């Protein structure tokens, strides 16, 4: 999760949308691992509904001044370079949102808290605070008012990458189940000898490979630049639901 937020939601967005000067400045330390990247979009009152975000970016002379907060930000406590989405023109709704490259060293930027979670504790998540954070015009990613375009273009890749996780979970389920059915004995024989158990394992194996084929096909489309939003969302939905069912089985 942390690597995905770094490589896809931050580095990939800069690589796809930044100017040559921005790429030369930010990509080398991000790609070498010298710096950690993050995306800051979600807020306490705005998750998937990006138009509802409240972080404000006001033009003042030769820079923007950001005020507000971001919540549930993966890598938030650790990131030195962040792609941040803020409203530059609230009246224009989705066309009034702009993406910025913000550095941890900017005055007024802080991490309010590292959030406690039920799981994924190896991936730090935090709340970010922006208090009169001055961001130069040179740090606008793409163009003013086109932040939603930047954001949505990366989500298809994010969903496809995340779909790989459930595939691994399904493989792990089989790694546990197959030895167990040979070890566990009932009525004088291993339970793997029972037709019902064999059928269950066959269903699990087939389901895993169907999900894998779907995810790999969408990933190949991403490599060709031909991915579709419905398939990016569909493959992670299918893989996640099937992984849950397999774990329950």
C-alpha atoms as a PDB file:
ATOM      1  CA  UNK A   1       0.000   0.000   0.000  1.00  0.00           C
ATOM      2  CA  UNK A   2       2.768   2.437   0.915  1.00  0.00           C
ATOM      3  CA  UNK A   3       4.736   1.635  -2.215  1.00  0.00           C
ATOM      4  CA  UNK A   4       1.629   1.995  -4.368  1.00  0.00           C
ATOM      5  CA  UNK A   5       0.890   5.424  -2.924  1.00  0.00           C
ATOM      6  CA  UNK A   6       4.498   6.438  -3.510  1.00  0.00           C
ATOM      7  CA  UNK A   7       5.051   4.992  -6.981  1.00  0.00           C
ATOM      8  CA  UNK A   8       1.624   5.296  -8.572  1.00  0.00           C
ATOM      9  CA  UNK A   9      -0.247   8.123  -6.891  1.00  0.00           C
ATOM     10  CA  UNK A  10       2.762  10.408  -6.552  1.00  0.00           C
ATOM     11  CA  UNK A  11       5.651   9.438  -8.849  1.00  0.00           C
ATOM     12  CA  UNK A  12       3.492   8.288 -11.765  1.00  0.00           C
ATOM     13  CA  UNK A  13       1.369  11.436 -11.649  1.00  0.00           C
ATOM     14  CA  UNK A  14       4.453  13.646 -11.688  1.00  0.00           C
ATOM     15  CA  UNK A  15       5.937  11.602 -14.519  1.00  0.00           C
ATOM     16  CA  UNK A  16       2.757  11.894 -16.609  1.00  0.00           C
ATOM     17  CA  UNK A  17       1.755  15.487 -15.942  1.00  0.00           C
ATOM     18  CA  UNK A  18       4.742  17.518 -14.730  1.00  0.00           C
ATOM     19  CA  UNK A  19       6.812  19.970 -16.719  1.00  0.00           C
ATOM     20  CA  UNK A  20      10.370  19.054 -17.668  1.00  0.00           C
ATOM     21  CA  UNK A  21      11.714  21.272 -14.882  1.00  0.00           C
ATOM     22  CA  UNK A  22       9.415  19.643 -12.315  1.00  0.00           C
ATOM     23  CA  UNK A  23      10.444  16.165 -13.414  1.00  0.00           C
ATOM     24  CA  UNK A  24      14.130  17.019 -13.167  1.00  0.00           C
ATOM     25  CA  UNK A  25      13.634  18.396  -9.658  1.00  0.00           C
ATOM     26  CA  UNK A  26      11.324  15.835  -8.077  1.00  0.00           C
ATOM     27  CA  UNK A  27      11.682  12.498  -9.863  1.00  0.00           C
ATOM     28  CA  UNK A  28      15.350  11.607  -9.162  1.00  0.00           C
ATOM     29  CA  UNK A  29      15.070  11.648  -5.333  1.00  0.00           C
ATOM     30  CA  UNK A  30      11.657   9.957  -5.473  1.00  0.00           C
ATOM     31  CA  UNK A  31      12.841   7.187  -7.796  1.00  0.00           C
ATOM     32  CA  UNK A  32      16.067   6.590  -5.855  1.00  0.00           C
ATOM     33  CA  UNK A  33      14.187   6.195  -2.582  1.00  0.00           C
ATOM     34  CA  UNK A  34      15.826   9.255  -1.076  1.00  0.00           C
ATOM     35  CA  UNK A  35      12.353  10.763  -0.737  1.00  0.00           C
ATOM     36  CA  UNK A  36       8.957   9.215   0.007  1.00  0.00           C
ATOM     37  CA  UNK A  37       5.928  10.357  -1.973  1.00  0.00           C
ATOM     38  CA  UNK A  38       2.218  10.553  -1.193  1.00  0.00           C
ATOM     39  CA  UNK A  39      -1.111  11.723  -2.578  1.00  0.00           C
ATOM     40  CA  UNK A  40      -3.298  13.987  -0.454  1.00  0.00           C
ATOM     41  CA  UNK A  41      -6.896  14.064  -1.651  1.00  0.00           C
ATOM     42  CA  UNK A  42      -9.183  12.643   1.054  1.00  0.00           C
ATOM     43  CA  UNK A  43     -10.597  14.817   3.822  1.00  0.00           C
ATOM     44  CA  UNK A  44     -12.777  14.049   6.839  1.00  0.00           C
ATOM     45  CA  UNK A  45     -15.841  15.133   4.846  1.00  0.00           C
ATOM     46  CA  UNK A  46     -14.665  14.271   1.345  1.00  0.00           C
ATOM     47  CA  UNK A  47     -13.454  10.823   0.351  1.00  0.00           C
ATOM     48  CA  UNK A  48     -14.580   9.521  -3.030  1.00  0.00           C
ATOM     49  CA  UNK A  49     -16.563  12.741  -3.551  1.00  0.00           C
ATOM     50  CA  UNK A  50     -13.568  14.835  -4.577  1.00  0.00           C
ATOM     51  CA  UNK A  51     -15.707  17.872  -5.456  1.00  0.00           C
ATOM     52  CA  UNK A  52     -16.611  18.217  -1.762  1.00  0.00           C
ATOM     53  CA  UNK A  53     -13.035  18.805  -0.612  1.00  0.00           C
ATOM     54  CA  UNK A  54     -12.464  21.944   1.479  1.00  0.00           C
ATOM     55  CA  UNK A  55      -8.710  22.558   1.250  1.00  0.00           C
ATOM     56  CA  UNK A  56      -8.462  26.041  -0.242  1.00  0.00           C
ATOM     57  CA  UNK A  57      -5.718  27.429  -2.454  1.00  0.00           C
ATOM     58  CA  UNK A  58      -5.818  31.210  -2.906  1.00  0.00           C
ATOM     59  CA  UNK A  59      -3.670  33.157  -5.340  1.00  0.00           C
ATOM     60  CA  UNK A  60      -1.489  35.763  -3.700  1.00  0.00           C
ATOM     61  CA  UNK A  61       1.068  37.525  -5.864  1.00  0.00           C
ATOM     62  CA  UNK A  62       3.366  34.851  -7.332  1.00  0.00           C
ATOM     63  CA  UNK A  63       2.122  31.912  -5.293  1.00  0.00           C
ATOM     64  CA  UNK A  64      -0.834  30.024  -3.883  1.00  0.00           C
ATOM     65  CA  UNK A  65      -1.612  29.889  -0.175  1.00  0.00           C
ATOM     66  CA  UNK A  66      -3.151  26.629   1.065  1.00  0.00           C
ATOM     67  CA  UNK A  67      -5.345  26.343   4.153  1.00  0.00           C
ATOM     68  CA  UNK A  68      -7.195  23.271   5.403  1.00  0.00           C
ATOM     69  CA  UNK A  69      -6.626  19.631   6.288  1.00  0.00           C
ATOM     70  CA  UNK A  70      -6.312  16.217   4.678  1.00  0.00           C
ATOM     71  CA  UNK A  71      -7.251  12.943   6.369  1.00  0.00           C
ATOM     72  CA  UNK A  72      -6.338   9.237   5.972  1.00  0.00           C
ATOM     73  CA  UNK A  73      -3.278  10.008   3.860  1.00  0.00           C
ATOM     74  CA  UNK A  74      -1.144   6.941   3.139  1.00  0.00           C
ATOM     75  CA  UNK A  75       2.551   7.790   3.770  1.00  0.00           C
ATOM     76  CA  UNK A  76       1.388  11.104   5.252  1.00  0.00           C
ATOM     77  CA  UNK A  77       3.644  10.948   8.330  1.00  0.00           C
ATOM     78  CA  UNK A  78       6.706  10.042   6.217  1.00  0.00           C
ATOM     79  CA  UNK A  79       6.343  11.758   2.841  1.00  0.00           C
ATOM     80  CA  UNK A  80       8.679  14.558   1.783  1.00  0.00           C
ATOM     81  CA  UNK A  81       6.934  15.172  -1.557  1.00  0.00           C
ATOM     82  CA  UNK A  82       3.145  15.165  -1.895  1.00  0.00           C
ATOM     83  CA  UNK A  83       0.691  15.622  -4.751  1.00  0.00           C
ATOM     84  CA  UNK A  84      -2.032  17.691  -3.078  1.00  0.00           C
ATOM     85  CA  UNK A  85      -5.486  18.519  -4.443  1.00  0.00           C
ATOM     86  CA  UNK A  86      -7.069  21.831  -3.435  1.00  0.00           C
ATOM     87  CA  UNK A  87      -9.853  24.147  -4.556  1.00  0.00           C
ATOM     88  CA  UNK A  88      -8.691  27.181  -6.478  1.00  0.00           C
ATOM     89  CA  UNK A  89     -12.190  28.223  -7.572  1.00  0.00           C
ATOM     90  CA  UNK A  90     -15.058  26.789  -5.465  1.00  0.00           C
ATOM     91  CA  UNK A  91     -17.693  28.125  -7.875  1.00  0.00           C
ATOM     92  CA  UNK A  92     -16.440  25.953 -10.736  1.00  0.00           C
ATOM     93  CA  UNK A  93     -16.900  22.662  -8.852  1.00  0.00           C
ATOM     94  CA  UNK A  94     -14.840  19.911 -10.532  1.00  0.00           C
ATOM     95  CA  UNK A  95     -13.151  22.463 -12.789  1.00  0.00           C
ATOM     96  CA  UNK A  96     -12.096  24.494  -9.787  1.00  0.00           C
ATOM     97  CA  UNK A  97      -9.723  21.890  -8.345  1.00  0.00           C
ATOM     98  CA  UNK A  98      -5.971  22.065  -8.922  1.00  0.00           C
ATOM     99  CA  UNK A  99      -3.126  19.634  -8.206  1.00  0.00           C
ATOM    100  CA  UNK A 100       0.002  20.933  -6.468  1.00  0.00           C
ATOM    101  CA  UNK A 101       3.395  19.469  -5.652  1.00  0.00           C
ATOM    102  CA  UNK A 102       3.947  20.263  -1.977  1.00  0.00           C
ATOM    103  CA  UNK A 103       7.141  19.637  -0.045  1.00  0.00           C
ATOM    104  CA  UNK A 104       7.260  18.675   3.605  1.00  0.00           C
ATOM    105  CA  UNK A 105       9.712  21.512   4.257  1.00  0.00           C
ATOM    106  CA  UNK A 106       7.180  24.202   3.288  1.00  0.00           C
ATOM    107  CA  UNK A 107       6.366  26.486   6.215  1.00  0.00           C
ATOM    108  CA  UNK A 108       2.909  25.851   7.676  1.00  0.00           C
ATOM    109  CA  UNK A 109       2.743  22.205   6.623  1.00  0.00           C
ATOM    110  CA  UNK A 110       2.523  19.655   9.433  1.00  0.00           C
ATOM    111  CA  UNK A 111       1.334  16.164  10.337  1.00  0.00           C
ATOM    112  CA  UNK A 112      -1.372  16.505  12.991  1.00  0.00           C
ATOM    113  CA  UNK A 113      -1.452  12.843  13.934  1.00  0.00           C
ATOM    114  CA  UNK A 114      -0.430   9.389  12.869  1.00  0.00           C
ATOM    115  CA  UNK A 115      -3.656   7.388  12.767  1.00  0.00           C
ATOM    116  CA  UNK A 116      -4.152   4.092  14.576  1.00  0.00           C
ATOM    117  CA  UNK A 117      -5.678   1.359  12.407  1.00  0.00           C
ATOM    118  CA  UNK A 118      -7.091  -2.135  12.701  1.00  0.00           C
ATOM    119  CA  UNK A 119      -4.639  -3.484  10.126  1.00  0.00           C
ATOM    120  CA  UNK A 120      -2.023  -2.378   7.580  1.00  0.00           C
ATOM    121  CA  UNK A 121       0.073  -1.056  10.460  1.00  0.00           C
ATOM    122  CA  UNK A 122       3.223  -1.261   8.378  1.00  0.00           C
ATOM    123  CA  UNK A 123       1.794   1.482   6.174  1.00  0.00           C
ATOM    124  CA  UNK A 124       1.671   4.782   8.036  1.00  0.00           C
ATOM    125  CA  UNK A 125      -1.473   6.890   7.638  1.00  0.00           C
ATOM    126  CA  UNK A 126      -1.912  10.425   8.908  1.00  0.00           C
ATOM    127  CA  UNK A 127      -3.814  13.677   9.082  1.00  0.00           C
ATOM    128  CA  UNK A 128      -2.150  16.642   7.371  1.00  0.00           C
ATOM    129  CA  UNK A 129      -2.570  20.308   8.252  1.00  0.00           C
ATOM    130  CA  UNK A 130      -1.993  23.257   5.920  1.00  0.00           C
ATOM    131  CA  UNK A 131      -1.739  26.645   7.649  1.00  0.00           C
ATOM    132  CA  UNK A 132      -0.929  29.394   5.166  1.00  0.00           C
ATOM    133  CA  UNK A 133       1.320  27.039   3.206  1.00  0.00           C
ATOM    134  CA  UNK A 134       2.871  29.036   0.356  1.00  0.00           C
ATOM    135  CA  UNK A 135       3.226  27.046  -2.859  1.00  0.00           C
ATOM    136  CA  UNK A 136       5.003  28.642  -5.859  1.00  0.00           C
ATOM    137  CA  UNK A 137       3.241  28.789  -9.225  1.00  0.00           C
ATOM    138  CA  UNK A 138       6.009  26.503 -10.495  1.00  0.00           C
ATOM    139  CA  UNK A 139       4.607  23.718  -8.294  1.00  0.00           C
ATOM    140  CA  UNK A 140       1.223  23.539 -10.019  1.00  0.00           C
ATOM    141  CA  UNK A 141       0.901  20.057 -11.531  1.00  0.00           C
ATOM    142  CA  UNK A 142      -0.544  20.205 -15.062  1.00  0.00           C
ATOM    143  CA  UNK A 143      -2.772  23.321 -15.125  1.00  0.00           C
ATOM    144  CA  UNK A 144      -4.963  25.297 -12.756  1.00  0.00           C
ATOM    145  CA  UNK A 145      -8.477  23.862 -12.615  1.00  0.00           C
ATOM    146  CA  UNK A 146      -7.501  20.496 -14.083  1.00  0.00           C
ATOM    147  CA  UNK A 147      -6.739  18.620 -10.894  1.00  0.00           C
ATOM    148  CA  UNK A 148      -9.632  16.188 -11.307  1.00  0.00           C
ATOM    149  CA  UNK A 149      -8.218  15.157 -14.676  1.00  0.00           C
ATOM    150  CA  UNK A 150      -4.863  14.442 -13.040  1.00  0.00           C
ATOM    151  CA  UNK A 151      -6.485  12.556 -10.167  1.00  0.00           C
ATOM    152  CA  UNK A 152      -8.819  10.357 -12.204  1.00  0.00           C
ATOM    153  CA  UNK A 153      -6.143   9.435 -14.732  1.00  0.00           C
ATOM    154  CA  UNK A 154      -4.138   7.767 -11.976  1.00  0.00           C
ATOM    155  CA  UNK A 155      -6.992   5.959 -10.247  1.00  0.00           C
ATOM    156  CA  UNK A 156      -7.368   3.426 -13.064  1.00  0.00           C
ATOM    157  CA  UNK A 157      -3.759   2.349 -12.568  1.00  0.00           C
ATOM    158  CA  UNK A 158      -4.157   2.354  -8.793  1.00  0.00           C
ATOM    159  CA  UNK A 159      -7.178   0.056  -8.925  1.00  0.00           C
ATOM    160  CA  UNK A 160      -5.435  -2.345 -11.278  1.00  0.00           C
ATOM    161  CA  UNK A 161      -2.324  -2.511  -9.095  1.00  0.00           C
ATOM    162  CA  UNK A 162      -4.400  -3.004  -5.947  1.00  0.00           C
ATOM    163  CA  UNK A 163      -6.182  -5.940  -7.594  1.00  0.00           C
ATOM    164  CA  UNK A 164      -2.923  -7.871  -7.364  1.00  0.00           C
ATOM    165  CA  UNK A 165      -3.295  -8.055  -3.577  1.00  0.00           C
ATOM    166  CA  UNK A 166      -6.391 -10.282  -3.585  1.00  0.00           C
ATOM    167  CA  UNK A 167      -4.709 -12.572  -6.128  1.00  0.00           C
ATOM    168  CA  UNK A 168      -1.910 -13.103  -3.624  1.00  0.00           C
ATOM    169  CA  UNK A 169      -4.443 -13.749  -0.869  1.00  0.00           C
ATOM    170  CA  UNK A 170      -6.128 -16.433  -2.947  1.00  0.00           C
ATOM    171  CA  UNK A 171      -2.793 -18.114  -3.642  1.00  0.00           C
ATOM    172  CA  UNK A 172      -2.028 -18.021   0.089  1.00  0.00           C
ATOM    173  CA  UNK A 173      -5.387 -19.655   0.838  1.00  0.00           C
ATOM    174  CA  UNK A 174      -4.521 -22.551  -1.459  1.00  0.00           C
ATOM    175  CA  UNK A 175      -1.032 -22.799   0.050  1.00  0.00           C
ATOM    176  CA  UNK A 176      -2.697 -23.383   3.421  1.00  0.00           C
ATOM    177  CA  UNK A 177      -5.652 -25.499   2.280  1.00  0.00           C
ATOM    178  CA  UNK A 178      -3.902 -28.066   0.077  1.00  0.00           C
ATOM    179  CA  UNK A 179      -1.422 -29.372   2.702  1.00  0.00           C
ATOM    180  CA  UNK A 180      -4.188 -29.334   5.321  1.00  0.00           C
ATOM    181  CA  UNK A 181      -6.523 -31.642   3.382  1.00  0.00           C
ATOM    182  CA  UNK A 182      -3.717 -34.211   3.216  1.00  0.00           C
ATOM    183  CA  UNK A 183      -2.902 -33.919   6.935  1.00  0.00           C
ATOM    184  CA  UNK A 184      -6.422 -33.837   8.375  1.00  0.00           C
ATOM    185  CA  UNK A 185      -7.977 -37.299   8.650  1.00  0.00           C
ATOM    186  CA  UNK A 186     -11.590 -38.306   9.176  1.00  0.00           C
ATOM    187  CA  UNK A 187     -13.169 -41.776   8.976  1.00  0.00           C
ATOM    188  CA  UNK A 188      -9.762 -43.347   8.460  1.00  0.00           C
ATOM    189  CA  UNK A 189      -8.604 -41.247   5.512  1.00  0.00           C
ATOM    190  CA  UNK A 190      -7.359 -37.784   4.605  1.00  0.00           C
ATOM    191  CA  UNK A 191     -10.224 -35.378   3.990  1.00  0.00           C
ATOM    192  CA  UNK A 192      -8.653 -34.622   0.616  1.00  0.00           C
ATOM    193  CA  UNK A 193      -9.958 -38.008  -0.506  1.00  0.00           C
ATOM    194  CA  UNK A 194     -13.556 -36.834  -0.146  1.00  0.00           C
ATOM    195  CA  UNK A 195     -15.230 -35.707  -3.349  1.00  0.00           C
ATOM    196  CA  UNK A 196     -16.855 -32.690  -1.687  1.00  0.00           C
ATOM    197  CA  UNK A 197     -13.484 -31.375  -0.497  1.00  0.00           C
ATOM    198  CA  UNK A 198     -11.908 -32.009  -3.890  1.00  0.00           C
ATOM    199  CA  UNK A 199     -14.721 -30.061  -5.524  1.00  0.00           C
ATOM    200  CA  UNK A 200     -14.188 -27.169  -3.130  1.00  0.00           C
ATOM    201  CA  UNK A 201     -10.468 -27.043  -3.935  1.00  0.00           C
ATOM    202  CA  UNK A 202     -11.202 -27.206  -7.661  1.00  0.00           C
ATOM    203  CA  UNK A 203     -13.567 -24.247  -7.337  1.00  0.00           C
ATOM    204  CA  UNK A 204     -10.966 -22.289  -5.377  1.00  0.00           C
ATOM    205  CA  UNK A 205      -8.232 -22.990  -7.928  1.00  0.00           C
ATOM    206  CA  UNK A 206     -10.458 -22.108 -10.878  1.00  0.00           C
ATOM    207  CA  UNK A 207     -11.692 -18.914  -9.229  1.00  0.00           C
ATOM    208  CA  UNK A 208      -8.138 -17.776  -8.501  1.00  0.00           C
ATOM    209  CA  UNK A 209      -7.059 -18.293 -12.101  1.00  0.00           C
ATOM    210  CA  UNK A 210     -10.140 -16.549 -13.488  1.00  0.00           C
ATOM    211  CA  UNK A 211      -9.440 -13.536 -11.280  1.00  0.00           C
ATOM    212  CA  UNK A 212      -5.752 -13.595 -12.188  1.00  0.00           C
ATOM    213  CA  UNK A 213      -6.539 -13.695 -15.907  1.00  0.00           C
ATOM    214  CA  UNK A 214      -8.882 -10.703 -15.564  1.00  0.00           C
ATOM    215  CA  UNK A 215      -6.374  -8.663 -13.565  1.00  0.00           C
ATOM    216  CA  UNK A 216      -3.487  -9.503 -15.900  1.00  0.00           C
ATOM    217  CA  UNK A 217      -5.573  -8.608 -18.957  1.00  0.00           C
ATOM    218  CA  UNK A 218      -6.400  -5.191 -17.491  1.00  0.00           C
ATOM    219  CA  UNK A 219      -2.750  -4.695 -16.482  1.00  0.00           C
ATOM    220  CA  UNK A 220      -1.662  -5.494 -20.043  1.00  0.00           C
ATOM    221  CA  UNK A 221      -4.173  -2.933 -21.314  1.00  0.00           C
ATOM    222  CA  UNK A 222      -2.621  -0.386 -18.928  1.00  0.00           C
ATOM    223  CA  UNK A 223       0.801  -1.111 -20.437  1.00  0.00           C
ATOM    224  CA  UNK A 224      -0.640  -0.413 -23.889  1.00  0.00           C
ATOM    225  CA  UNK A 225      -2.423   2.728 -22.726  1.00  0.00           C
ATOM    226  CA  UNK A 226      -5.789   1.157 -23.526  1.00  0.00           C
ATOM    227  CA  UNK A 227      -7.290   0.584 -20.090  1.00  0.00           C
ATOM    228  CA  UNK A 228     -10.931   1.444 -19.436  1.00  0.00           C
ATOM    229  CA  UNK A 229     -12.298   2.779 -16.158  1.00  0.00           C
ATOM    230  CA  UNK A 230     -14.964   0.073 -15.917  1.00  0.00           C
ATOM    231  CA  UNK A 231     -12.428  -2.745 -16.239  1.00  0.00           C
ATOM    232  CA  UNK A 232      -9.976  -1.136 -13.807  1.00  0.00           C
ATOM    233  CA  UNK A 233     -12.776  -0.978 -11.239  1.00  0.00           C
ATOM    234  CA  UNK A 234     -14.183  -4.345 -12.290  1.00  0.00           C
ATOM    235  CA  UNK A 235     -10.980  -6.333 -11.823  1.00  0.00           C
ATOM    236  CA  UNK A 236     -10.360  -5.095  -8.280  1.00  0.00           C
ATOM    237  CA  UNK A 237     -14.024  -5.682  -7.394  1.00  0.00           C
ATOM    238  CA  UNK A 238     -14.009  -9.219  -8.773  1.00  0.00           C
ATOM    239  CA  UNK A 239     -10.653 -10.163  -7.253  1.00  0.00           C
ATOM    240  CA  UNK A 240     -11.483  -8.726  -3.819  1.00  0.00           C
ATOM    241  CA  UNK A 241     -14.892 -10.405  -3.605  1.00  0.00           C
ATOM    242  CA  UNK A 242     -13.528 -13.774  -4.715  1.00  0.00           C
ATOM    243  CA  UNK A 243     -10.597 -13.551  -2.293  1.00  0.00           C
ATOM    244  CA  UNK A 244     -13.035 -12.938   0.566  1.00  0.00           C
ATOM    245  CA  UNK A 245     -15.158 -15.932  -0.415  1.00  0.00           C
ATOM    246  CA  UNK A 246     -12.087 -18.132  -0.776  1.00  0.00           C
ATOM    247  CA  UNK A 247     -10.817 -17.161   2.676  1.00  0.00           C
ATOM    248  CA  UNK A 248     -14.229 -18.002   4.147  1.00  0.00           C
ATOM    249  CA  UNK A 249     -14.185 -21.385   2.384  1.00  0.00           C
END
